[in-house]
Amino acid sequence: MCGIVGLFLKDKALEPKLGALTAEMLGTMCDRGPDSAGFAVYGDSAKGKAKLTLQSPRPDVDFADLEKSLGKAIGADATINVKSTHAVLLVPDDKVDAAKSVLRASHPSIRIMATGSTIEIYKEVGYPTEVSKAFDLAKMKGTHAIGHTRMATESAVTTMGSHPFSTGFDQCLVHNGSLSNHNNLRRQLIHDGMTFETQNDTEVGAAYITWRMNQGMNLGEALTKSLDDLDGFFTFVVGTKNGFGVLRDPIACKPAVMAETDQYVAFGSEYRALVNLPGIEQAKVWEPEPATVYFWER
């Protein structure tokens, strides 16, 4: 099953409502994936600094003195904003790699969910509406967001196995379906320097897109190339700092619907995820064609 929603805003006046609109959309998809959920929000840019979204099974311990200890270790100011089991850590742009090294060496129970200048990712086991409430999704603002409700069929119900997956700076991907050649592709990507946190096939899809964009492709080109290299059935919704893309495999057996107005582009696994969006009555609504890349960018 699984359920996907996505919202890419064209109208700046809607940016304060991004979280509330996304939370309502995600709430309609609960019965498609009741075991866990997650979302990525592209919000305010941390000028001169990078955001690292962190997750811990014991946040009271792991996040308690992290600002001081990490700042001392990297020789720069570090600030942290804790939300439930997650935290957004701000460090100078030139200290990102150092911060990641310290976290992995000295704080092994902390997991890095995303890195970027605008992206924040939150995901947890639990009913999707409760996950949204735990992280105050409805209060978040930004330019675009992607959400996913999961029914685990190919791996265990865990936080790290939940979507979205982020494998590049300001990039994320959610997926409905199953990739059949992900193990071979994983080995190829590891050979080329990509790293993985889970055995989930969706993380391979995310890493593939990052790998192609690292070669100089834009998001649209990377999605187009994936049609040659990925086997299986899938619907991808992908975010970058400035972009939003959708792709279905050539068979397109997973449900999908899109809507576009002068104010936004929206995606839902079912139309009911879109019905309360402003101006939906005047929107162009369509089912994305198989093997066709839909791509918007600022």
C-alpha atoms as a PDB file:
ATOM      1  CA  MET A   1       0.000   0.000   0.000  1.00  0.00           C
ATOM      2  CA  CYS A   2       1.734   3.161   1.343  1.00  0.00           C
ATOM      3  CA  GLY A   3       0.519   6.690   0.730  1.00  0.00           C
ATOM      4  CA  ILE A   4       2.369   9.698  -0.668  1.00  0.00           C
ATOM      5  CA  VAL A   5       1.550  13.395  -0.630  1.00  0.00           C
ATOM      6  CA  GLY A   6       3.511  16.331  -1.961  1.00  0.00           C
ATOM      7  CA  LEU A   7       2.959  20.067  -2.219  1.00  0.00           C
ATOM      8  CA  PHE A   8       5.117  22.531  -4.188  1.00  0.00           C
ATOM      9  CA  LEU A   9       4.082  26.137  -3.649  1.00  0.00           C
ATOM     10  CA  LYS A  10       4.287  28.762  -6.381  1.00  0.00           C
ATOM     11  CA  ASP A  11       2.528  31.466  -4.336  1.00  0.00           C
ATOM     12  CA  LYS A  12       4.605  32.893  -1.460  1.00  0.00           C
ATOM     13  CA  ALA A  13       1.374  33.856   0.324  1.00  0.00           C
ATOM     14  CA  LEU A  14       0.746  30.154   0.984  1.00  0.00           C
ATOM     15  CA  GLU A  15       4.170  29.464   2.528  1.00  0.00           C
ATOM     16  CA  PRO A  16       2.999  30.026   6.145  1.00  0.00           C
ATOM     17  CA  LYS A  17       0.309  27.378   5.508  1.00  0.00           C
ATOM     18  CA  LEU A  18       2.582  24.729   3.997  1.00  0.00           C
ATOM     19  CA  GLY A  19       2.726  22.560   7.110  1.00  0.00           C
ATOM     20  CA  ALA A  20      -0.989  22.767   7.834  1.00  0.00           C
ATOM     21  CA  LEU A  21      -1.906  21.865   4.251  1.00  0.00           C
ATOM     22  CA  THR A  22       0.590  18.999   4.173  1.00  0.00           C
ATOM     23  CA  ALA A  23      -0.577  17.651   7.548  1.00  0.00           C
ATOM     24  CA  GLU A  24      -4.177  17.548   6.328  1.00  0.00           C
ATOM     25  CA  MET A  25      -3.136  15.802   3.114  1.00  0.00           C
ATOM     26  CA  LEU A  26      -1.030  13.261   5.012  1.00  0.00           C
ATOM     27  CA  GLY A  27      -3.876  12.574   7.432  1.00  0.00           C
ATOM     28  CA  THR A  28      -6.102  11.332   4.627  1.00  0.00           C
ATOM     29  CA  MET A  29      -3.553   8.656   3.705  1.00  0.00           C
ATOM     30  CA  CYS A  30      -3.416   6.945   7.129  1.00  0.00           C
ATOM     31  CA  ASP A  31      -5.216   3.783   6.057  1.00  0.00           C
ATOM     32  CA  ARG A  32      -2.722   3.291   3.226  1.00  0.00           C
ATOM     33  CA  GLY A  33       0.163   3.098   5.711  1.00  0.00           C
ATOM     34  CA  PRO A  34      -0.663   2.999   9.413  1.00  0.00           C
ATOM     35  CA  ASP A  35       2.612   1.662  10.818  1.00  0.00           C
ATOM     36  CA  SER A  36       4.859   4.717  10.421  1.00  0.00           C
ATOM     37  CA  ALA A  37       5.141   8.048   8.655  1.00  0.00           C
ATOM     38  CA  GLY A  38       7.517  10.824   7.784  1.00  0.00           C
ATOM     39  CA  PHE A  39       7.799  14.119   5.992  1.00  0.00           C
ATOM     40  CA  ALA A  40      10.357  16.506   4.552  1.00  0.00           C
ATOM     41  CA  VAL A  41       9.820  20.258   4.741  1.00  0.00           C
ATOM     42  CA  TYR A  42      11.840  22.772   2.759  1.00  0.00           C
ATOM     43  CA  GLY A  43      11.750  25.890   4.903  1.00  0.00           C
ATOM     44  CA  ASP A  44      13.895  28.919   5.697  1.00  0.00           C
ATOM     45  CA  SER A  45      17.461  28.807   4.491  1.00  0.00           C
ATOM     46  CA  ALA A  46      20.069  28.700   7.240  1.00  0.00           C
ATOM     47  CA  LYS A  47      22.240  31.426   5.711  1.00  0.00           C
ATOM     48  CA  GLY A  48      25.895  30.542   6.071  1.00  0.00           C
ATOM     49  CA  LYS A  49      24.977  27.440   8.020  1.00  0.00           C
ATOM     50  CA  ALA A  50      23.779  23.935   7.326  1.00  0.00           C
ATOM     51  CA  LYS A  51      20.959  22.019   8.964  1.00  0.00           C
ATOM     52  CA  LEU A  52      21.502  18.470  10.151  1.00  0.00           C
ATOM     53  CA  THR A  53      18.279  16.737  11.141  1.00  0.00           C
ATOM     54  CA  LEU A  54      19.103  14.189  13.830  1.00  0.00           C
ATOM     55  CA  GLN A  55      17.115  11.359  15.430  1.00  0.00           C
ATOM     56  CA  SER A  56      17.704   9.500  18.675  1.00  0.00           C
ATOM     57  CA  PRO A  57      15.870   6.737  20.547  1.00  0.00           C
ATOM     58  CA  ARG A  58      16.972   8.494  23.760  1.00  0.00           C
ATOM     59  CA  PRO A  59      16.773  12.228  22.986  1.00  0.00           C
ATOM     60  CA  ASP A  60      16.888  13.320  26.636  1.00  0.00           C
ATOM     61  CA  VAL A  61      20.373  11.836  26.891  1.00  0.00           C
ATOM     62  CA  ASP A  62      21.805  12.331  23.416  1.00  0.00           C
ATOM     63  CA  PHE A  63      20.694  15.920  22.849  1.00  0.00           C
ATOM     64  CA  ALA A  64      21.240  17.237  26.392  1.00  0.00           C
ATOM     65  CA  ASP A  65      24.790  18.625  26.011  1.00  0.00           C
ATOM     66  CA  LEU A  66      25.249  18.217  22.281  1.00  0.00           C
ATOM     67  CA  GLU A  67      25.632  21.937  21.523  1.00  0.00           C
ATOM     68  CA  LYS A  68      28.569  22.320  23.880  1.00  0.00           C
ATOM     69  CA  SER A  69      30.355  19.031  23.166  1.00  0.00           C
ATOM     70  CA  LEU A  70      29.958  19.187  19.399  1.00  0.00           C
ATOM     71  CA  GLY A  71      30.834  22.879  19.213  1.00  0.00           C
ATOM     72  CA  LYS A  72      34.041  22.219  21.124  1.00  0.00           C
ATOM     73  CA  ALA A  73      34.907  19.231  18.927  1.00  0.00           C
ATOM     74  CA  ILE A  74      34.479  21.100  15.626  1.00  0.00           C
ATOM     75  CA  GLY A  75      35.783  24.446  16.876  1.00  0.00           C
ATOM     76  CA  ALA A  76      32.670  26.400  15.957  1.00  0.00           C
ATOM     77  CA  ASP A  77      29.280  27.374  17.341  1.00  0.00           C
ATOM     78  CA  ALA A  78      26.581  24.715  17.099  1.00  0.00           C
ATOM     79  CA  THR A  79      22.940  25.282  18.003  1.00  0.00           C
ATOM     80  CA  ILE A  80      20.201  22.703  18.408  1.00  0.00           C
ATOM     81  CA  ASN A  81      16.407  22.769  18.339  1.00  0.00           C
ATOM     82  CA  VAL A  82      14.843  19.600  19.751  1.00  0.00           C
ATOM     83  CA  LYS A  83      11.467  18.294  18.572  1.00  0.00           C
ATOM     84  CA  SER A  84      10.438  15.063  20.255  1.00  0.00           C
ATOM     85  CA  THR A  85      12.879  12.349  19.119  1.00  0.00           C
ATOM     86  CA  HIS A  86      14.449  14.620  16.485  1.00  0.00           C
ATOM     87  CA  ALA A  87      16.594  17.723  16.560  1.00  0.00           C
ATOM     88  CA  VAL A  88      17.801  20.240  13.989  1.00  0.00           C
ATOM     89  CA  LEU A  89      21.471  21.034  14.472  1.00  0.00           C
ATOM     90  CA  LEU A  90      22.911  24.198  12.908  1.00  0.00           C
ATOM     91  CA  VAL A  91      26.622  24.314  12.105  1.00  0.00           C
ATOM     92  CA  PRO A  92      28.709  26.500   9.757  1.00  0.00           C
ATOM     93  CA  ASP A  93      28.734  25.317   6.141  1.00  0.00           C
ATOM     94  CA  ASP A  94      32.416  24.461   6.278  1.00  0.00           C
ATOM     95  CA  LYS A  95      31.960  22.315   9.403  1.00  0.00           C
ATOM     96  CA  VAL A  96      29.357  19.862   8.062  1.00  0.00           C
ATOM     97  CA  ASP A  97      31.761  17.002   7.376  1.00  0.00           C
ATOM     98  CA  ALA A  98      33.514  17.531  10.707  1.00  0.00           C
ATOM     99  CA  ALA A  99      30.197  17.521  12.571  1.00  0.00           C
ATOM    100  CA  LYS A 100      29.104  14.307  10.860  1.00  0.00           C
ATOM    101  CA  SER A 101      32.400  12.635  11.720  1.00  0.00           C
ATOM    102  CA  VAL A 102      32.081  13.602  15.389  1.00  0.00           C
ATOM    103  CA  LEU A 103      28.472  12.435  15.568  1.00  0.00           C
ATOM    104  CA  ARG A 104      29.262   9.050  14.045  1.00  0.00           C
ATOM    105  CA  ALA A 105      32.333   8.500  16.208  1.00  0.00           C
ATOM    106  CA  SER A 106      31.154   9.858  19.550  1.00  0.00           C
ATOM    107  CA  HIS A 107      27.351   9.572  19.414  1.00  0.00           C
ATOM    108  CA  PRO A 108      26.566   6.222  17.750  1.00  0.00           C
ATOM    109  CA  SER A 109      22.910   6.208  18.830  1.00  0.00           C
ATOM    110  CA  ILE A 110      22.234   9.466  16.952  1.00  0.00           C
ATOM    111  CA  ARG A 111      21.161   9.012  13.339  1.00  0.00           C
ATOM    112  CA  ILE A 112      21.560  11.711  10.692  1.00  0.00           C
ATOM    113  CA  MET A 113      18.277  11.940   8.790  1.00  0.00           C
ATOM    114  CA  ALA A 114      19.074  14.816   6.415  1.00  0.00           C
ATOM    115  CA  THR A 115      21.603  17.520   5.633  1.00  0.00           C
ATOM    116  CA  GLY A 116      20.987  20.740   3.745  1.00  0.00           C
ATOM    117  CA  SER A 117      20.427  24.445   3.911  1.00  0.00           C
ATOM    118  CA  THR A 118      16.617  24.237   3.874  1.00  0.00           C
ATOM    119  CA  ILE A 119      15.499  20.615   4.321  1.00  0.00           C
ATOM    120  CA  GLU A 120      14.300  19.089   7.578  1.00  0.00           C
ATOM    121  CA  ILE A 121      13.127  15.460   7.779  1.00  0.00           C
ATOM    122  CA  TYR A 122      11.034  13.949  10.556  1.00  0.00           C
ATOM    123  CA  LYS A 123       9.901  10.319  10.651  1.00  0.00           C
ATOM    124  CA  GLU A 124       8.856   7.808  13.273  1.00  0.00           C
ATOM    125  CA  VAL A 125       7.005   4.589  13.923  1.00  0.00           C
ATOM    126  CA  GLY A 126       3.367   5.230  14.782  1.00  0.00           C
ATOM    127  CA  TYR A 127       0.061   6.261  13.312  1.00  0.00           C
ATOM    128  CA  PRO A 128       0.670   8.998  10.712  1.00  0.00           C
ATOM    129  CA  THR A 129      -1.534  11.660  12.294  1.00  0.00           C
ATOM    130  CA  GLU A 130       0.226  11.133  15.621  1.00  0.00           C
ATOM    131  CA  VAL A 131       3.627  11.420  13.938  1.00  0.00           C
ATOM    132  CA  SER A 132       2.558  14.736  12.389  1.00  0.00           C
ATOM    133  CA  LYS A 133       1.397  16.034  15.775  1.00  0.00           C
ATOM    134  CA  ALA A 134       4.568  14.931  17.552  1.00  0.00           C
ATOM    135  CA  PHE A 135       6.663  17.153  15.303  1.00  0.00           C
ATOM    136  CA  ASP A 136       4.158  20.044  14.907  1.00  0.00           C
ATOM    137  CA  LEU A 137       3.954  19.652  11.140  1.00  0.00           C
ATOM    138  CA  ALA A 138       0.874  21.888  11.030  1.00  0.00           C
ATOM    139  CA  LYS A 139       2.933  24.834  12.346  1.00  0.00           C
ATOM    140  CA  MET A 140       5.755  24.554   9.824  1.00  0.00           C
ATOM    141  CA  LYS A 141       6.187  26.948   6.934  1.00  0.00           C
ATOM    142  CA  GLY A 142       8.187  26.665   3.749  1.00  0.00           C
ATOM    143  CA  THR A 143       8.175  26.363  -0.017  1.00  0.00           C
ATOM    144  CA  HIS A 144       7.473  22.658  -0.534  1.00  0.00           C
ATOM    145  CA  ALA A 145       6.965  19.450   1.401  1.00  0.00           C
ATOM    146  CA  ILE A 146       6.702  15.706   0.830  1.00  0.00           C
ATOM    147  CA  GLY A 147       5.015  13.193   3.128  1.00  0.00           C
ATOM    148  CA  HIS A 148       4.694   9.416   3.276  1.00  0.00           C
ATOM    149  CA  THR A 149       2.630   6.919   5.228  1.00  0.00           C
ATOM    150  CA  ARG A 150       4.114   3.435   5.309  1.00  0.00           C
ATOM    151  CA  MET A 151       2.787  -0.084   5.297  1.00  0.00           C
ATOM    152  CA  ALA A 152       5.992  -2.102   5.620  1.00  0.00           C
ATOM    153  CA  THR A 153       5.983  -5.076   3.279  1.00  0.00           C
ATOM    154  CA  GLU A 154       9.671  -5.486   2.429  1.00  0.00           C
ATOM    155  CA  SER A 155      11.370  -4.685   5.735  1.00  0.00           C
ATOM    156  CA  ALA A 156      10.761  -4.249   9.458  1.00  0.00           C
ATOM    157  CA  VAL A 157       8.689  -1.449  10.964  1.00  0.00           C
ATOM    158  CA  THR A 158      11.447   0.869  12.163  1.00  0.00           C
ATOM    159  CA  THR A 159      12.155   4.575  12.240  1.00  0.00           C
ATOM    160  CA  MET A 160      15.091   4.269   9.865  1.00  0.00           C
ATOM    161  CA  GLY A 161      13.061   2.142   7.455  1.00  0.00           C
ATOM    162  CA  SER A 162      10.430   4.849   7.179  1.00  0.00           C
ATOM    163  CA  HIS A 163      10.349   7.464   4.418  1.00  0.00           C
ATOM    164  CA  PRO A 164      11.560  10.007   3.315  1.00  0.00           C
ATOM    165  CA  PHE A 165      15.138   9.007   2.582  1.00  0.00           C
ATOM    166  CA  SER A 166      17.797  11.662   2.119  1.00  0.00           C
ATOM    167  CA  THR A 167      21.123  10.742   0.529  1.00  0.00           C
ATOM    168  CA  GLY A 168      22.292  14.142  -0.724  1.00  0.00           C
ATOM    169  CA  PHE A 169      22.387  17.774   0.319  1.00  0.00           C
ATOM    170  CA  ASP A 170      18.803  19.123   0.352  1.00  0.00           C
ATOM    171  CA  GLN A 171      17.530  16.003  -1.438  1.00  0.00           C
ATOM    172  CA  CYS A 172      14.877  13.488  -0.437  1.00  0.00           C
ATOM    173  CA  LEU A 173      12.731  10.771  -1.973  1.00  0.00           C
ATOM    174  CA  VAL A 174       9.597   8.828  -1.078  1.00  0.00           C
ATOM    175  CA  HIS A 175       8.442   5.714  -2.877  1.00  0.00           C
ATOM    176  CA  ASN A 176       5.396   3.527  -3.299  1.00  0.00           C
ATOM    177  CA  GLY A 177       6.208   0.166  -4.847  1.00  0.00           C
ATOM    178  CA  SER A 178       9.132  -2.237  -4.944  1.00  0.00           C
ATOM    179  CA  LEU A 179      12.464  -2.226  -6.779  1.00  0.00           C
ATOM    180  CA  SER A 180      13.636  -5.637  -7.990  1.00  0.00           C
ATOM    181  CA  ASN A 181      17.282  -4.800  -8.786  1.00  0.00           C
ATOM    182  CA  HIS A 182      18.114  -2.741  -5.704  1.00  0.00           C
ATOM    183  CA  ASN A 183      20.736  -5.156  -4.329  1.00  0.00           C
ATOM    184  CA  ASN A 184      22.830  -5.080  -7.506  1.00  0.00           C
ATOM    185  CA  LEU A 185      22.401  -1.341  -7.769  1.00  0.00           C
ATOM    186  CA  ARG A 186      23.371  -0.886  -4.117  1.00  0.00           C
ATOM    187  CA  ARG A 187      26.678  -2.683  -4.755  1.00  0.00           C
ATOM    188  CA  GLN A 188      27.389  -0.448  -7.745  1.00  0.00           C
ATOM    189  CA  LEU A 189      26.588   2.717  -5.807  1.00  0.00           C
ATOM    190  CA  ILE A 190      28.746   1.646  -2.836  1.00  0.00           C
ATOM    191  CA  HIS A 191      31.607   1.051  -5.292  1.00  0.00           C
ATOM    192  CA  ASP A 192      31.122   4.633  -6.485  1.00  0.00           C
ATOM    193  CA  GLY A 193      31.229   6.059  -2.957  1.00  0.00           C
ATOM    194  CA  MET A 194      27.599   6.141  -1.850  1.00  0.00           C
ATOM    195  CA  THR A 195      26.757   5.025   1.705  1.00  0.00           C
ATOM    196  CA  PHE A 196      23.603   3.448   3.127  1.00  0.00           C
ATOM    197  CA  GLU A 197      21.938   3.403   6.541  1.00  0.00           C
ATOM    198  CA  THR A 198      19.317   0.687   5.882  1.00  0.00           C
ATOM    199  CA  GLN A 199      18.447  -2.271   3.657  1.00  0.00           C
ATOM    200  CA  ASN A 200      15.346  -0.494   2.347  1.00  0.00           C
ATOM    201  CA  ASP A 201      15.037  -0.466  -1.453  1.00  0.00           C
ATOM    202  CA  THR A 202      13.781   3.113  -1.338  1.00  0.00           C
ATOM    203  CA  GLU A 203      17.095   4.310   0.053  1.00  0.00           C
ATOM    204  CA  VAL A 204      18.731   2.816  -3.034  1.00  0.00           C
ATOM    205  CA  GLY A 205      16.343   4.801  -5.220  1.00  0.00           C
ATOM    206  CA  ALA A 206      17.220   7.978  -3.326  1.00  0.00           C
ATOM    207  CA  ALA A 207      20.945   7.281  -3.571  1.00  0.00           C
ATOM    208  CA  TYR A 208      20.618   6.611  -7.288  1.00  0.00           C
ATOM    209  CA  ILE A 209      19.079  10.058  -7.847  1.00  0.00           C
ATOM    210  CA  THR A 210      21.817  11.682  -5.738  1.00  0.00           C
ATOM    211  CA  TRP A 211      24.488   9.758  -7.658  1.00  0.00           C
ATOM    212  CA  ARG A 212      23.136  10.959 -10.998  1.00  0.00           C
ATOM    213  CA  MET A 213      22.841  14.564  -9.798  1.00  0.00           C
ATOM    214  CA  ASN A 214      26.416  14.401  -8.526  1.00  0.00           C
ATOM    215  CA  GLN A 215      27.350  13.623 -12.123  1.00  0.00           C
ATOM    216  CA  GLY A 216      25.863  16.950 -13.200  1.00  0.00           C
ATOM    217  CA  MET A 217      22.289  16.017 -14.060  1.00  0.00           C
ATOM    218  CA  ASN A 218      19.369  18.073 -12.809  1.00  0.00           C
ATOM    219  CA  LEU A 219      16.475  16.365 -11.065  1.00  0.00           C
ATOM    220  CA  GLY A 220      14.457  15.923 -14.235  1.00  0.00           C
ATOM    221  CA  GLU A 221      17.380  14.354 -16.091  1.00  0.00           C
ATOM    222  CA  ALA A 222      18.169  12.018 -13.176  1.00  0.00           C
ATOM    223  CA  LEU A 223      14.563  10.821 -13.017  1.00  0.00           C
ATOM    224  CA  THR A 224      14.513  10.243 -16.776  1.00  0.00           C
ATOM    225  CA  LYS A 225      17.710   8.190 -16.601  1.00  0.00           C
ATOM    226  CA  SER A 226      16.241   6.065 -13.794  1.00  0.00           C
ATOM    227  CA  LEU A 227      13.773   4.594 -16.272  1.00  0.00           C
ATOM    228  CA  ASP A 228      16.737   2.839 -17.930  1.00  0.00           C
ATOM    229  CA  ASP A 229      18.415   1.693 -14.727  1.00  0.00           C
ATOM    230  CA  LEU A 230      15.697   0.813 -12.190  1.00  0.00           C
ATOM    231  CA  ASP A 231      13.607  -2.349 -12.438  1.00  0.00           C
ATOM    232  CA  GLY A 232      10.352  -2.953 -10.601  1.00  0.00           C
ATOM    233  CA  PHE A 233       7.252  -0.903 -10.009  1.00  0.00           C
ATOM    234  CA  PHE A 234       7.432   2.484  -8.365  1.00  0.00           C
ATOM    235  CA  THR A 235       6.020   5.921  -7.915  1.00  0.00           C
ATOM    236  CA  PHE A 236       8.680   8.402  -6.852  1.00  0.00           C
ATOM    237  CA  VAL A 237       8.140  11.866  -5.435  1.00  0.00           C
ATOM    238  CA  VAL A 238      11.436  13.697  -5.063  1.00  0.00           C
ATOM    239  CA  GLY A 239      12.476  17.004  -3.556  1.00  0.00           C
ATOM    240  CA  THR A 240      15.551  19.189  -3.929  1.00  0.00           C
ATOM    241  CA  LYS A 241      16.233  22.671  -2.583  1.00  0.00           C
ATOM    242  CA  ASN A 242      14.515  24.261  -5.571  1.00  0.00           C
ATOM    243  CA  GLY A 243      12.779  21.359  -7.263  1.00  0.00           C
ATOM    244  CA  PHE A 244       9.918  18.892  -7.066  1.00  0.00           C
ATOM    245  CA  GLY A 245       9.599  15.828  -9.285  1.00  0.00           C
ATOM    246  CA  VAL A 246       7.250  12.905  -9.863  1.00  0.00           C
ATOM    247  CA  LEU A 247       7.834   9.701 -11.794  1.00  0.00           C
ATOM    248  CA  ARG A 248       5.878   6.485 -12.274  1.00  0.00           C
ATOM    249  CA  ASP A 249       7.337   3.305 -13.769  1.00  0.00           C
ATOM    250  CA  PRO A 250       6.281   2.188 -17.283  1.00  0.00           C
ATOM    251  CA  ILE A 251       3.481  -0.038 -15.917  1.00  0.00           C
ATOM    252  CA  ALA A 252       2.230   2.514 -13.365  1.00  0.00           C
ATOM    253  CA  CYS A 253       0.277   0.065 -11.230  1.00  0.00           C
ATOM    254  CA  LYS A 254       0.470   2.269  -8.125  1.00  0.00           C
ATOM    255  CA  PRO A 255      -2.241   4.953  -7.828  1.00  0.00           C
ATOM    256  CA  ALA A 256      -1.346   8.609  -8.284  1.00  0.00           C
ATOM    257  CA  VAL A 257      -3.107  11.893  -8.973  1.00  0.00           C
ATOM    258  CA  MET A 258      -1.825  15.436  -9.450  1.00  0.00           C
ATOM    259  CA  ALA A 259      -3.304  18.927  -9.413  1.00  0.00           C
ATOM    260  CA  GLU A 260      -1.890  22.249 -10.539  1.00  0.00           C
ATOM    261  CA  THR A 261      -3.037  25.838 -10.153  1.00  0.00           C
ATOM    262  CA  ASP A 262      -1.293  29.201 -10.301  1.00  0.00           C
ATOM    263  CA  GLN A 263      -0.619  28.767  -6.568  1.00  0.00           C
ATOM    264  CA  TYR A 264       0.739  25.217  -6.287  1.00  0.00           C
ATOM    265  CA  VAL A 265       1.451  21.756  -7.655  1.00  0.00           C
ATOM    266  CA  ALA A 266       0.131  18.896  -5.520  1.00  0.00           C
ATOM    267  CA  PHE A 267       0.489  15.127  -5.528  1.00  0.00           C
ATOM    268  CA  GLY A 268      -1.530  12.445  -3.753  1.00  0.00           C
ATOM    269  CA  SER A 269      -1.791   8.692  -3.938  1.00  0.00           C
ATOM    270  CA  GLU A 270      -5.538   9.326  -4.040  1.00  0.00           C
ATOM    271  CA  TYR A 271      -7.625  12.344  -4.974  1.00  0.00           C
ATOM    272  CA  ARG A 272      -9.061  12.598  -1.466  1.00  0.00           C
ATOM    273  CA  ALA A 273      -5.650  13.895  -0.330  1.00  0.00           C
ATOM    274  CA  LEU A 274      -6.175  16.976  -2.507  1.00  0.00           C
ATOM    275  CA  VAL A 275      -9.824  17.847  -1.971  1.00  0.00           C
ATOM    276  CA  ASN A 276      -9.284  20.497   0.720  1.00  0.00           C
ATOM    277  CA  LEU A 277      -6.524  22.411  -1.024  1.00  0.00           C
ATOM    278  CA  PRO A 278      -7.414  26.044  -1.831  1.00  0.00           C
ATOM    279  CA  GLY A 279      -8.837  26.505  -5.315  1.00  0.00           C
ATOM    280  CA  ILE A 280      -8.907  22.780  -6.069  1.00  0.00           C
ATOM    281  CA  GLU A 281     -12.198  23.290  -7.929  1.00  0.00           C
ATOM    282  CA  GLN A 282     -10.353  25.289 -10.604  1.00  0.00           C
ATOM    283  CA  ALA A 283      -7.224  23.113 -10.665  1.00  0.00           C
ATOM    284  CA  LYS A 284      -6.003  21.059 -13.561  1.00  0.00           C
ATOM    285  CA  VAL A 285      -6.282  17.524 -12.193  1.00  0.00           C
ATOM    286  CA  TRP A 286      -4.771  14.514 -13.932  1.00  0.00           C
ATOM    287  CA  GLU A 287      -3.274  11.062 -13.437  1.00  0.00           C
ATOM    288  CA  PRO A 288       0.474  11.134 -14.179  1.00  0.00           C
ATOM    289  CA  GLU A 289       1.335   9.159 -17.284  1.00  0.00           C
ATOM    290  CA  PRO A 290       3.568   6.071 -17.027  1.00  0.00           C
ATOM    291  CA  ALA A 291       7.311   6.575 -17.644  1.00  0.00           C
ATOM    292  CA  THR A 292       6.854  10.342 -17.779  1.00  0.00           C
ATOM    293  CA  VAL A 293       8.840  12.787 -15.688  1.00  0.00           C
ATOM    294  CA  TYR A 294       6.963  15.689 -14.131  1.00  0.00           C
ATOM    295  CA  PHE A 295       9.383  18.284 -12.836  1.00  0.00           C
ATOM    296  CA  TRP A 296       9.039  21.787 -11.426  1.00  0.00           C
ATOM    297  CA  GLU A 297      11.882  24.041 -10.326  1.00  0.00           C
ATOM    298  CA  ARG A 298      12.288  27.563  -9.012  1.00  0.00           C
END
